[in-house]
Amino acid sequence: MNFCQQAGVAPMAWSPLAGGSIFEESNEKAVRLRKTLEIVKEEIGANGIDEVMYAWLLRHPAKIVPIVGSGKKERLDSAIDSLNLSMEKEQWFNILTSSMGHDIP
């Protein structure tokens, strides 16, 4: 990511919803992350955590471009709807630290 930011290249996120595993996995990280995504979903008025995940990627400082590989209209609508969401820095960092499992030093 650092190289991409320095070179002004926007990285692409293939499978930005982790292949759907975030919705199904029961490991500690997935459960922790879903909990945080649900909280942020309520705070920003998103329809689902998938919209929050897209909004998080779009707010990333590296200007990540999510690649939606789904042919399902609902998934495409979620990606489009995420463009209208506003996420505060604190919410963004809450998702980041939840995913990492620890605070940022």
C-alpha atoms as a PDB file:
ATOM      1  CA  MET A   1       0.000   0.000   0.000  1.00  0.00           C
ATOM      2  CA  ASN A   2       2.773   2.456   0.874  1.00  0.00           C
ATOM      3  CA  PHE A   3       4.307   2.133  -2.581  1.00  0.00           C
ATOM      4  CA  CYS A   4       0.940   2.649  -4.227  1.00  0.00           C
ATOM      5  CA  GLN A   5       0.347   5.797  -2.194  1.00  0.00           C
ATOM      6  CA  GLN A   6       3.820   7.142  -2.970  1.00  0.00           C
ATOM      7  CA  ALA A   7       3.431   6.393  -6.682  1.00  0.00           C
ATOM      8  CA  GLY A   8      -0.121   7.760  -6.832  1.00  0.00           C
ATOM      9  CA  VAL A   9      -1.507   4.367  -7.880  1.00  0.00           C
ATOM     10  CA  ALA A  10      -4.940   3.385  -6.613  1.00  0.00           C
ATOM     11  CA  PRO A  11      -4.845  -0.295  -5.603  1.00  0.00           C
ATOM     12  CA  MET A  12      -7.786  -2.492  -6.536  1.00  0.00           C
ATOM     13  CA  ALA A  13      -9.503  -4.671  -3.951  1.00  0.00           C
ATOM     14  CA  TRP A  14     -10.557  -7.934  -5.537  1.00  0.00           C
ATOM     15  CA  SER A  15     -13.132  -9.749  -3.417  1.00  0.00           C
ATOM     16  CA  PRO A  16     -13.657  -6.734  -1.127  1.00  0.00           C
ATOM     17  CA  LEU A  17     -16.191  -8.674   0.967  1.00  0.00           C
ATOM     18  CA  ALA A  18     -13.664 -11.461   1.656  1.00  0.00           C
ATOM     19  CA  GLY A  19     -15.496 -13.836  -0.664  1.00  0.00           C
ATOM     20  CA  GLY A  20     -18.497 -13.609   1.645  1.00  0.00           C
ATOM     21  CA  SER A  21     -16.599 -15.276   4.480  1.00  0.00           C
ATOM     22  CA  ILE A  22     -17.123 -12.284   6.760  1.00  0.00           C
ATOM     23  CA  PHE A  23     -20.831 -13.159   6.822  1.00  0.00           C
ATOM     24  CA  GLU A  24     -20.310 -16.851   7.602  1.00  0.00           C
ATOM     25  CA  GLU A  25     -17.076 -17.387   9.552  1.00  0.00           C
ATOM     26  CA  SER A  26     -17.297 -18.054  13.270  1.00  0.00           C
ATOM     27  CA  ASN A  27     -13.655 -17.446  14.172  1.00  0.00           C
ATOM     28  CA  GLU A  28     -12.766 -14.762  16.705  1.00  0.00           C
ATOM     29  CA  LYS A  29     -11.645 -12.197  14.122  1.00  0.00           C
ATOM     30  CA  ALA A  30     -14.773 -12.499  11.975  1.00  0.00           C
ATOM     31  CA  VAL A  31     -17.097 -12.281  14.974  1.00  0.00           C
ATOM     32  CA  ARG A  32     -15.227  -9.268  16.366  1.00  0.00           C
ATOM     33  CA  LEU A  33     -15.231  -7.515  13.005  1.00  0.00           C
ATOM     34  CA  ARG A  34     -18.930  -8.203  12.348  1.00  0.00           C
ATOM     35  CA  LYS A  35     -19.782  -6.717  15.735  1.00  0.00           C
ATOM     36  CA  THR A  36     -17.896  -3.515  14.914  1.00  0.00           C
ATOM     37  CA  LEU A  37     -19.370  -3.346  11.405  1.00  0.00           C
ATOM     38  CA  GLU A  38     -22.874  -3.691  12.877  1.00  0.00           C
ATOM     39  CA  ILE A  39     -22.229  -0.813  15.284  1.00  0.00           C
ATOM     40  CA  VAL A  40     -20.938   1.433  12.495  1.00  0.00           C
ATOM     41  CA  LYS A  41     -23.831   0.339  10.269  1.00  0.00           C
ATOM     42  CA  GLU A  42     -26.300   1.691  12.813  1.00  0.00           C
ATOM     43  CA  GLU A  43     -24.292   4.871  13.363  1.00  0.00           C
ATOM     44  CA  ILE A  44     -24.073   5.820   9.675  1.00  0.00           C
ATOM     45  CA  GLY A  45     -27.463   4.512   8.556  1.00  0.00           C
ATOM     46  CA  ALA A  46     -26.219   1.779   6.235  1.00  0.00           C
ATOM     47  CA  ASN A  47     -28.538  -1.023   5.141  1.00  0.00           C
ATOM     48  CA  GLY A  48     -25.990  -3.774   5.773  1.00  0.00           C
ATOM     49  CA  ILE A  49     -22.430  -4.431   6.833  1.00  0.00           C
ATOM     50  CA  ASP A  50     -21.501  -4.967   3.206  1.00  0.00           C
ATOM     51  CA  GLU A  51     -22.204  -1.275   2.563  1.00  0.00           C
ATOM     52  CA  VAL A  52     -20.021  -0.392   5.555  1.00  0.00           C
ATOM     53  CA  MET A  53     -17.196  -2.538   4.185  1.00  0.00           C
ATOM     54  CA  TYR A  54     -17.370  -0.800   0.806  1.00  0.00           C
ATOM     55  CA  ALA A  55     -17.545   2.622   2.482  1.00  0.00           C
ATOM     56  CA  TRP A  56     -14.492   1.724   4.604  1.00  0.00           C
ATOM     57  CA  LEU A  57     -12.479   0.793   1.523  1.00  0.00           C
ATOM     58  CA  LEU A  58     -13.534   3.960  -0.291  1.00  0.00           C
ATOM     59  CA  ARG A  59     -12.374   6.098   2.657  1.00  0.00           C
ATOM     60  CA  HIS A  60      -8.970   4.377   2.847  1.00  0.00           C
ATOM     61  CA  PRO A  61      -6.101   6.884   2.382  1.00  0.00           C
ATOM     62  CA  ALA A  62      -4.653   4.749  -0.443  1.00  0.00           C
ATOM     63  CA  LYS A  63      -7.852   5.415  -2.454  1.00  0.00           C
ATOM     64  CA  ILE A  64      -8.627   1.718  -2.855  1.00  0.00           C
ATOM     65  CA  VAL A  65     -10.939   0.808  -5.731  1.00  0.00           C
ATOM     66  CA  PRO A  66     -13.235  -2.082  -4.760  1.00  0.00           C
ATOM     67  CA  ILE A  67     -13.892  -4.537  -7.589  1.00  0.00           C
ATOM     68  CA  VAL A  68     -17.372  -5.965  -7.221  1.00  0.00           C
ATOM     69  CA  GLY A  69     -17.324  -9.381  -8.833  1.00  0.00           C
ATOM     70  CA  SER A  70     -20.916 -10.267  -8.132  1.00  0.00           C
ATOM     71  CA  GLY A  71     -23.629 -10.581 -10.734  1.00  0.00           C
ATOM     72  CA  LYS A  72     -26.290 -10.283  -8.037  1.00  0.00           C
ATOM     73  CA  LYS A  73     -28.227  -7.042  -8.298  1.00  0.00           C
ATOM     74  CA  GLU A  74     -28.485  -6.736  -4.497  1.00  0.00           C
ATOM     75  CA  ARG A  75     -24.693  -6.822  -4.141  1.00  0.00           C
ATOM     76  CA  LEU A  76     -24.231  -4.229  -6.861  1.00  0.00           C
ATOM     77  CA  ASP A  77     -26.890  -2.010  -5.250  1.00  0.00           C
ATOM     78  CA  SER A  78     -25.045  -2.255  -1.908  1.00  0.00           C
ATOM     79  CA  ALA A  79     -21.801  -1.183  -3.526  1.00  0.00           C
ATOM     80  CA  ILE A  80     -23.509   1.761  -5.199  1.00  0.00           C
ATOM     81  CA  ASP A  81     -25.356   2.769  -2.016  1.00  0.00           C
ATOM     82  CA  SER A  82     -22.077   2.832  -0.097  1.00  0.00           C
ATOM     83  CA  LEU A  83     -21.026   5.844  -2.170  1.00  0.00           C
ATOM     84  CA  ASN A  84     -23.606   7.915  -0.273  1.00  0.00           C
ATOM     85  CA  LEU A  85     -22.393   6.939   3.203  1.00  0.00           C
ATOM     86  CA  SER A  86     -20.286   9.204   5.367  1.00  0.00           C
ATOM     87  CA  MET A  87     -17.886   7.643   7.859  1.00  0.00           C
ATOM     88  CA  GLU A  88     -15.994   9.525  10.558  1.00  0.00           C
ATOM     89  CA  LYS A  89     -12.268   8.875  11.088  1.00  0.00           C
ATOM     90  CA  GLU A  90     -12.977   7.323  14.484  1.00  0.00           C
ATOM     91  CA  GLN A  91     -15.423   4.848  12.920  1.00  0.00           C
ATOM     92  CA  TRP A  92     -12.904   4.027  10.190  1.00  0.00           C
ATOM     93  CA  PHE A  93     -10.176   3.353  12.760  1.00  0.00           C
ATOM     94  CA  ASN A  94     -12.553   1.293  14.907  1.00  0.00           C
ATOM     95  CA  ILE A  95     -13.050  -1.030  11.944  1.00  0.00           C
ATOM     96  CA  LEU A  96      -9.303  -1.143  11.246  1.00  0.00           C
ATOM     97  CA  THR A  97      -8.363  -1.984  14.820  1.00  0.00           C
ATOM     98  CA  SER A  98     -11.167  -4.511  15.075  1.00  0.00           C
ATOM     99  CA  SER A  99      -9.824  -6.266  12.001  1.00  0.00           C
ATOM    100  CA  MET A 100      -6.245  -6.214  13.339  1.00  0.00           C
ATOM    101  CA  GLY A 101      -7.274  -7.330  16.818  1.00  0.00           C
ATOM    102  CA  HIS A 102      -5.256  -4.603  18.541  1.00  0.00           C
ATOM    103  CA  ASP A 103      -4.914  -0.856  18.778  1.00  0.00           C
ATOM    104  CA  ILE A 104      -2.587   1.113  16.585  1.00  0.00           C
ATOM    105  CA  PRO A 105       0.595   2.033  18.483  1.00  0.00           C
END
